[in-house]
Amino acid sequence: MNDSKNLKSLVAQRDSVLLKLHELQVNVEGVENEENAKRLNELTLKKSQFEAQKSAAEVSLAETKSKLLEIQNETAKLTASSMERILDAIEQQRWYFFKNKTRVIFDKTSGLLWANLEYFSIDNNGDYISRDEAQKRVDSFEGDGFKEWRFPSYDEMEHLVLDKTFPFCEGDNY
């Protein structure tokens, strides 16, 4: 039985040595070896396939970048034009209401705060009121913390009326 084990061991060692010799022969012979030449052909084919995929991906990437640039340019145009419209509207706007100061409005042209007429009653059933009564109304106006309200000067009132953009004027009712 020992002889049989020894024989198997020797055969295994021989096969291992032959395999190593074959590997050495393949490595030493390079492309002249048939197996190496076959493997080199396989690798060359795979390399060509991957290079073709890479080229296609680069073309696709270039197309994608181009489309993104077009979208970005169009978005910039639309944004710029809407921004210009907004800035133009702000430039033309004279009257400003404040979200947290609802009882007053700001006149950009004169720099004055005016009473928001929704909170300051000027109606006297169409009748005129005396200056003293008007002064009482002005003095009692709760103007969101602003104090020292006064009557507008003639020029300030004229400028207000002639512009006809005062938010509380309707038609010819000034």
C-alpha atoms as a PDB file:
ATOM      1  CA  MET A   1       0.000   0.000   0.000  1.00  0.00           C
ATOM      2  CA  ASN A   2       2.890   2.276   0.622  1.00  0.00           C
ATOM      3  CA  ASP A   3       4.026   1.795  -2.931  1.00  0.00           C
ATOM      4  CA  SER A   4       0.631   2.872  -4.200  1.00  0.00           C
ATOM      5  CA  LYS A   5       0.678   6.020  -2.030  1.00  0.00           C
ATOM      6  CA  ASN A   6       4.177   6.832  -3.123  1.00  0.00           C
ATOM      7  CA  LEU A   7       3.233   6.351  -6.760  1.00  0.00           C
ATOM      8  CA  LYS A   8       0.231   8.673  -6.449  1.00  0.00           C
ATOM      9  CA  SER A   9       2.349  11.272  -4.700  1.00  0.00           C
ATOM     10  CA  LEU A  10       5.023  11.057  -7.359  1.00  0.00           C
ATOM     11  CA  VAL A  11       2.419  11.369 -10.131  1.00  0.00           C
ATOM     12  CA  ALA A  12       0.904  14.433  -8.424  1.00  0.00           C
ATOM     13  CA  GLN A  13       4.338  16.019  -8.067  1.00  0.00           C
ATOM     14  CA  ARG A  14       5.105  15.241 -11.732  1.00  0.00           C
ATOM     15  CA  ASP A  15       1.817  16.825 -12.865  1.00  0.00           C
ATOM     16  CA  SER A  16       2.533  19.905 -10.757  1.00  0.00           C
ATOM     17  CA  VAL A  17       6.040  20.233 -12.199  1.00  0.00           C
ATOM     18  CA  LEU A  18       4.703  19.753 -15.751  1.00  0.00           C
ATOM     19  CA  LEU A  19       2.096  22.441 -15.176  1.00  0.00           C
ATOM     20  CA  LYS A  20       4.739  24.859 -13.888  1.00  0.00           C
ATOM     21  CA  LEU A  21       6.951  24.032 -16.867  1.00  0.00           C
ATOM     22  CA  HIS A  22       4.054  24.676 -19.215  1.00  0.00           C
ATOM     23  CA  GLU A  23       3.423  28.065 -17.537  1.00  0.00           C
ATOM     24  CA  LEU A  24       7.103  28.922 -17.840  1.00  0.00           C
ATOM     25  CA  GLN A  25       7.134  27.878 -21.471  1.00  0.00           C
ATOM     26  CA  VAL A  26       4.052  30.012 -22.197  1.00  0.00           C
ATOM     27  CA  ASN A  27       5.590  33.019 -20.424  1.00  0.00           C
ATOM     28  CA  VAL A  28       8.981  32.614 -22.052  1.00  0.00           C
ATOM     29  CA  GLU A  29       7.661  32.060 -25.571  1.00  0.00           C
ATOM     30  CA  GLY A  30       5.398  35.185 -25.489  1.00  0.00           C
ATOM     31  CA  VAL A  31       3.207  35.632 -28.566  1.00  0.00           C
ATOM     32  CA  GLU A  32       4.940  32.773 -30.401  1.00  0.00           C
ATOM     33  CA  ASN A  33       3.086  30.420 -28.075  1.00  0.00           C
ATOM     34  CA  GLU A  34      -0.234  29.403 -29.536  1.00  0.00           C
ATOM     35  CA  GLU A  35      -2.144  29.851 -26.254  1.00  0.00           C
ATOM     36  CA  ASN A  36      -0.595  33.282 -25.753  1.00  0.00           C
ATOM     37  CA  ALA A  37      -1.475  34.307 -29.289  1.00  0.00           C
ATOM     38  CA  LYS A  38      -5.073  33.149 -28.767  1.00  0.00           C
ATOM     39  CA  ARG A  39      -5.349  35.007 -25.442  1.00  0.00           C
ATOM     40  CA  LEU A  40      -3.768  38.108 -26.990  1.00  0.00           C
ATOM     41  CA  ASN A  41      -6.417  38.038 -29.755  1.00  0.00           C
ATOM     42  CA  GLU A  42      -9.175  37.755 -27.124  1.00  0.00           C
ATOM     43  CA  LEU A  43      -7.751  40.673 -25.138  1.00  0.00           C
ATOM     44  CA  THR A  44      -7.315  42.792 -28.273  1.00  0.00           C
ATOM     45  CA  LEU A  45     -10.946  42.146 -29.231  1.00  0.00           C
ATOM     46  CA  LYS A  46     -12.169  43.076 -25.718  1.00  0.00           C
ATOM     47  CA  LYS A  47     -10.007  46.202 -25.758  1.00  0.00           C
ATOM     48  CA  SER A  48     -11.510  47.243 -29.096  1.00  0.00           C
ATOM     49  CA  GLN A  49     -15.024  46.667 -27.760  1.00  0.00           C
ATOM     50  CA  PHE A  50     -14.337  48.753 -24.646  1.00  0.00           C
ATOM     51  CA  GLU A  51     -12.734  51.525 -26.697  1.00  0.00           C
ATOM     52  CA  ALA A  52     -15.812  51.583 -28.936  1.00  0.00           C
ATOM     53  CA  GLN A  53     -18.030  51.794 -25.825  1.00  0.00           C
ATOM     54  CA  LYS A  54     -15.814  54.556 -24.448  1.00  0.00           C
ATOM     55  CA  SER A  55     -16.080  56.523 -27.707  1.00  0.00           C
ATOM     56  CA  ALA A  56     -19.851  56.112 -27.748  1.00  0.00           C
ATOM     57  CA  ALA A  57     -20.033  57.230 -24.115  1.00  0.00           C
ATOM     58  CA  GLU A  58     -17.861  60.281 -24.864  1.00  0.00           C
ATOM     59  CA  VAL A  59     -20.118  61.215 -27.785  1.00  0.00           C
ATOM     60  CA  SER A  60     -23.174  60.753 -25.591  1.00  0.00           C
ATOM     61  CA  LEU A  61     -21.567  62.810 -22.834  1.00  0.00           C
ATOM     62  CA  ALA A  62     -20.715  65.592 -25.286  1.00  0.00           C
ATOM     63  CA  GLU A  63     -24.313  65.595 -26.571  1.00  0.00           C
ATOM     64  CA  THR A  64     -25.636  65.679 -23.000  1.00  0.00           C
ATOM     65  CA  LYS A  65     -23.319  68.565 -22.088  1.00  0.00           C
ATOM     66  CA  SER A  66     -24.445  70.436 -25.199  1.00  0.00           C
ATOM     67  CA  LYS A  67     -28.121  69.937 -24.347  1.00  0.00           C
ATOM     68  CA  LEU A  68     -27.515  71.013 -20.749  1.00  0.00           C
ATOM     69  CA  LEU A  69     -25.776  74.152 -21.982  1.00  0.00           C
ATOM     70  CA  GLU A  70     -28.722  74.939 -24.282  1.00  0.00           C
ATOM     71  CA  ILE A  71     -31.158  74.476 -21.377  1.00  0.00           C
ATOM     72  CA  GLN A  72     -28.986  76.618 -19.126  1.00  0.00           C
ATOM     73  CA  ASN A  73     -28.813  79.399 -21.728  1.00  0.00           C
ATOM     74  CA  GLU A  74     -32.565  79.325 -22.341  1.00  0.00           C
ATOM     75  CA  THR A  75     -33.240  79.317 -18.601  1.00  0.00           C
ATOM     76  CA  ALA A  76     -30.897  82.280 -18.184  1.00  0.00           C
ATOM     77  CA  LYS A  77     -32.751  84.158 -20.939  1.00  0.00           C
ATOM     78  CA  LEU A  78     -36.140  83.438 -19.391  1.00  0.00           C
ATOM     79  CA  THR A  79     -34.932  84.281 -15.905  1.00  0.00           C
ATOM     80  CA  ALA A  80     -33.225  87.435 -17.076  1.00  0.00           C
ATOM     81  CA  SER A  81     -36.281  88.619 -18.956  1.00  0.00           C
ATOM     82  CA  SER A  82     -38.599  87.889 -16.031  1.00  0.00           C
ATOM     83  CA  MET A  83     -36.110  89.496 -13.665  1.00  0.00           C
ATOM     84  CA  GLU A  84     -35.930  92.535 -15.928  1.00  0.00           C
ATOM     85  CA  ARG A  85     -39.734  92.725 -15.985  1.00  0.00           C
ATOM     86  CA  ILE A  86     -39.852  92.529 -12.194  1.00  0.00           C
ATOM     87  CA  LEU A  87     -37.176  95.189 -11.798  1.00  0.00           C
ATOM     88  CA  ASP A  88     -38.930  97.372 -14.355  1.00  0.00           C
ATOM     89  CA  ALA A  89     -42.243  96.997 -12.504  1.00  0.00           C
ATOM     90  CA  ILE A  90     -40.541  97.876  -9.216  1.00  0.00           C
ATOM     91  CA  GLU A  91     -38.925 100.904 -10.858  1.00  0.00           C
ATOM     92  CA  GLN A  92     -42.306 102.102 -12.133  1.00  0.00           C
ATOM     93  CA  GLN A  93     -44.132 101.373  -8.886  1.00  0.00           C
ATOM     94  CA  ARG A  94     -44.765 104.372  -6.680  1.00  0.00           C
ATOM     95  CA  TRP A  95     -46.786 102.997  -3.765  1.00  0.00           C
ATOM     96  CA  TYR A  96     -45.692 100.246  -1.389  1.00  0.00           C
ATOM     97  CA  PHE A  97     -47.770  98.454   1.207  1.00  0.00           C
ATOM     98  CA  PHE A  98     -45.954  96.839   4.105  1.00  0.00           C
ATOM     99  CA  LYS A  99     -46.903  93.351   5.232  1.00  0.00           C
ATOM    100  CA  ASN A 100     -46.244  94.079   8.907  1.00  0.00           C
ATOM    101  CA  LYS A 101     -47.317  97.767   8.851  1.00  0.00           C
ATOM    102  CA  THR A 102     -50.756  97.577   7.269  1.00  0.00           C
ATOM    103  CA  ARG A 103     -52.034 100.986   8.394  1.00  0.00           C
ATOM    104  CA  VAL A 104     -49.552 102.965   6.292  1.00  0.00           C
ATOM    105  CA  ILE A 105     -48.326 103.052   2.708  1.00  0.00           C
ATOM    106  CA  PHE A 106     -45.040 104.413   1.415  1.00  0.00           C
ATOM    107  CA  ASP A 107     -44.763 106.868  -1.469  1.00  0.00           C
ATOM    108  CA  LYS A 108     -41.445 106.234  -3.211  1.00  0.00           C
ATOM    109  CA  THR A 109     -41.612 109.500  -5.132  1.00  0.00           C
ATOM    110  CA  SER A 110     -41.990 111.812  -2.140  1.00  0.00           C
ATOM    111  CA  GLY A 111     -40.534 109.535   0.537  1.00  0.00           C
ATOM    112  CA  LEU A 112     -43.618 110.128   2.679  1.00  0.00           C
ATOM    113  CA  LEU A 113     -45.726 107.677   4.632  1.00  0.00           C
ATOM    114  CA  TRP A 114     -49.434 108.110   4.036  1.00  0.00           C
ATOM    115  CA  ALA A 115     -52.329 106.700   5.960  1.00  0.00           C
ATOM    116  CA  ASN A 116     -53.831 103.558   4.487  1.00  0.00           C
ATOM    117  CA  LEU A 117     -57.377 104.766   3.917  1.00  0.00           C
ATOM    118  CA  GLU A 118     -58.755 101.376   4.856  1.00  0.00           C
ATOM    119  CA  TYR A 119     -57.792 102.304   8.440  1.00  0.00           C
ATOM    120  CA  PHE A 120     -58.226 106.091   8.319  1.00  0.00           C
ATOM    121  CA  SER A 121     -61.729 107.275   7.671  1.00  0.00           C
ATOM    122  CA  ILE A 122     -62.098 110.395   5.564  1.00  0.00           C
ATOM    123  CA  ASP A 123     -65.745 109.818   4.747  1.00  0.00           C
ATOM    124  CA  ASN A 124     -68.160 112.349   6.178  1.00  0.00           C
ATOM    125  CA  ASN A 125     -71.161 111.434   4.049  1.00  0.00           C
ATOM    126  CA  GLY A 126     -69.982 113.765   1.339  1.00  0.00           C
ATOM    127  CA  ASP A 127     -69.913 116.808   3.613  1.00  0.00           C
ATOM    128  CA  TYR A 128     -66.836 118.839   4.390  1.00  0.00           C
ATOM    129  CA  ILE A 129     -65.474 118.729   7.911  1.00  0.00           C
ATOM    130  CA  SER A 130     -63.823 121.516   9.822  1.00  0.00           C
ATOM    131  CA  ARG A 131     -60.060 121.741  10.096  1.00  0.00           C
ATOM    132  CA  ASP A 132     -60.342 121.073  13.837  1.00  0.00           C
ATOM    133  CA  GLU A 133     -62.335 117.872  13.200  1.00  0.00           C
ATOM    134  CA  ALA A 134     -59.804 116.801  10.579  1.00  0.00           C
ATOM    135  CA  GLN A 135     -56.950 117.520  13.020  1.00  0.00           C
ATOM    136  CA  LYS A 136     -58.662 115.348  15.665  1.00  0.00           C
ATOM    137  CA  ARG A 137     -58.868 112.476  13.200  1.00  0.00           C
ATOM    138  CA  VAL A 138     -55.210 112.873  12.253  1.00  0.00           C
ATOM    139  CA  ASP A 139     -54.132 113.067  15.910  1.00  0.00           C
ATOM    140  CA  SER A 140     -56.080 109.926  16.819  1.00  0.00           C
ATOM    141  CA  PHE A 141     -54.796 107.882  13.867  1.00  0.00           C
ATOM    142  CA  GLU A 142     -53.122 104.659  14.998  1.00  0.00           C
ATOM    143  CA  GLY A 143     -50.390 104.443  12.372  1.00  0.00           C
ATOM    144  CA  ASP A 144     -48.557 101.215  13.295  1.00  0.00           C
ATOM    145  CA  GLY A 145     -46.376 103.008  15.823  1.00  0.00           C
ATOM    146  CA  PHE A 146     -45.584 106.008  13.640  1.00  0.00           C
ATOM    147  CA  LYS A 147     -46.284 109.287  15.408  1.00  0.00           C
ATOM    148  CA  GLU A 148     -46.578 112.983  14.588  1.00  0.00           C
ATOM    149  CA  TRP A 149     -48.930 112.716  11.643  1.00  0.00           C
ATOM    150  CA  ARG A 150     -49.640 115.962   9.824  1.00  0.00           C
ATOM    151  CA  PHE A 151     -51.688 117.303   6.962  1.00  0.00           C
ATOM    152  CA  PRO A 152     -49.893 117.142   3.616  1.00  0.00           C
ATOM    153  CA  SER A 153     -48.711 120.427   2.176  1.00  0.00           C
ATOM    154  CA  TYR A 154     -50.429 121.819  -0.885  1.00  0.00           C
ATOM    155  CA  ASP A 155     -47.542 120.700  -3.129  1.00  0.00           C
ATOM    156  CA  GLU A 156     -47.517 117.188  -1.613  1.00  0.00           C
ATOM    157  CA  MET A 157     -51.258 116.846  -2.083  1.00  0.00           C
ATOM    158  CA  GLU A 158     -51.111 118.238  -5.599  1.00  0.00           C
ATOM    159  CA  HIS A 159     -48.357 115.764  -6.499  1.00  0.00           C
ATOM    160  CA  LEU A 160     -50.458 112.937  -5.068  1.00  0.00           C
ATOM    161  CA  VAL A 161     -53.623 113.919  -6.911  1.00  0.00           C
ATOM    162  CA  LEU A 162     -52.053 114.738 -10.277  1.00  0.00           C
ATOM    163  CA  ASP A 163     -50.319 111.354 -10.505  1.00  0.00           C
ATOM    164  CA  LYS A 164     -53.633 109.500 -10.136  1.00  0.00           C
ATOM    165  CA  THR A 165     -51.915 106.298  -9.018  1.00  0.00           C
ATOM    166  CA  PHE A 166     -52.881 106.614  -5.344  1.00  0.00           C
ATOM    167  CA  PRO A 167     -54.242 103.143  -4.540  1.00  0.00           C
ATOM    168  CA  PHE A 168     -57.515 104.358  -3.017  1.00  0.00           C
ATOM    169  CA  CYS A 169     -58.630 106.554  -5.888  1.00  0.00           C
ATOM    170  CA  GLU A 170     -61.254 105.164  -8.187  1.00  0.00           C
ATOM    171  CA  GLY A 171     -62.017 106.798 -11.514  1.00  0.00           C
ATOM    172  CA  ASP A 172     -62.302 110.567 -11.099  1.00  0.00           C
ATOM    173  CA  ASN A 173     -63.052 110.276  -7.376  1.00  0.00           C
ATOM    174  CA  TYR A 174     -60.123 112.143  -5.816  1.00  0.00           C
END
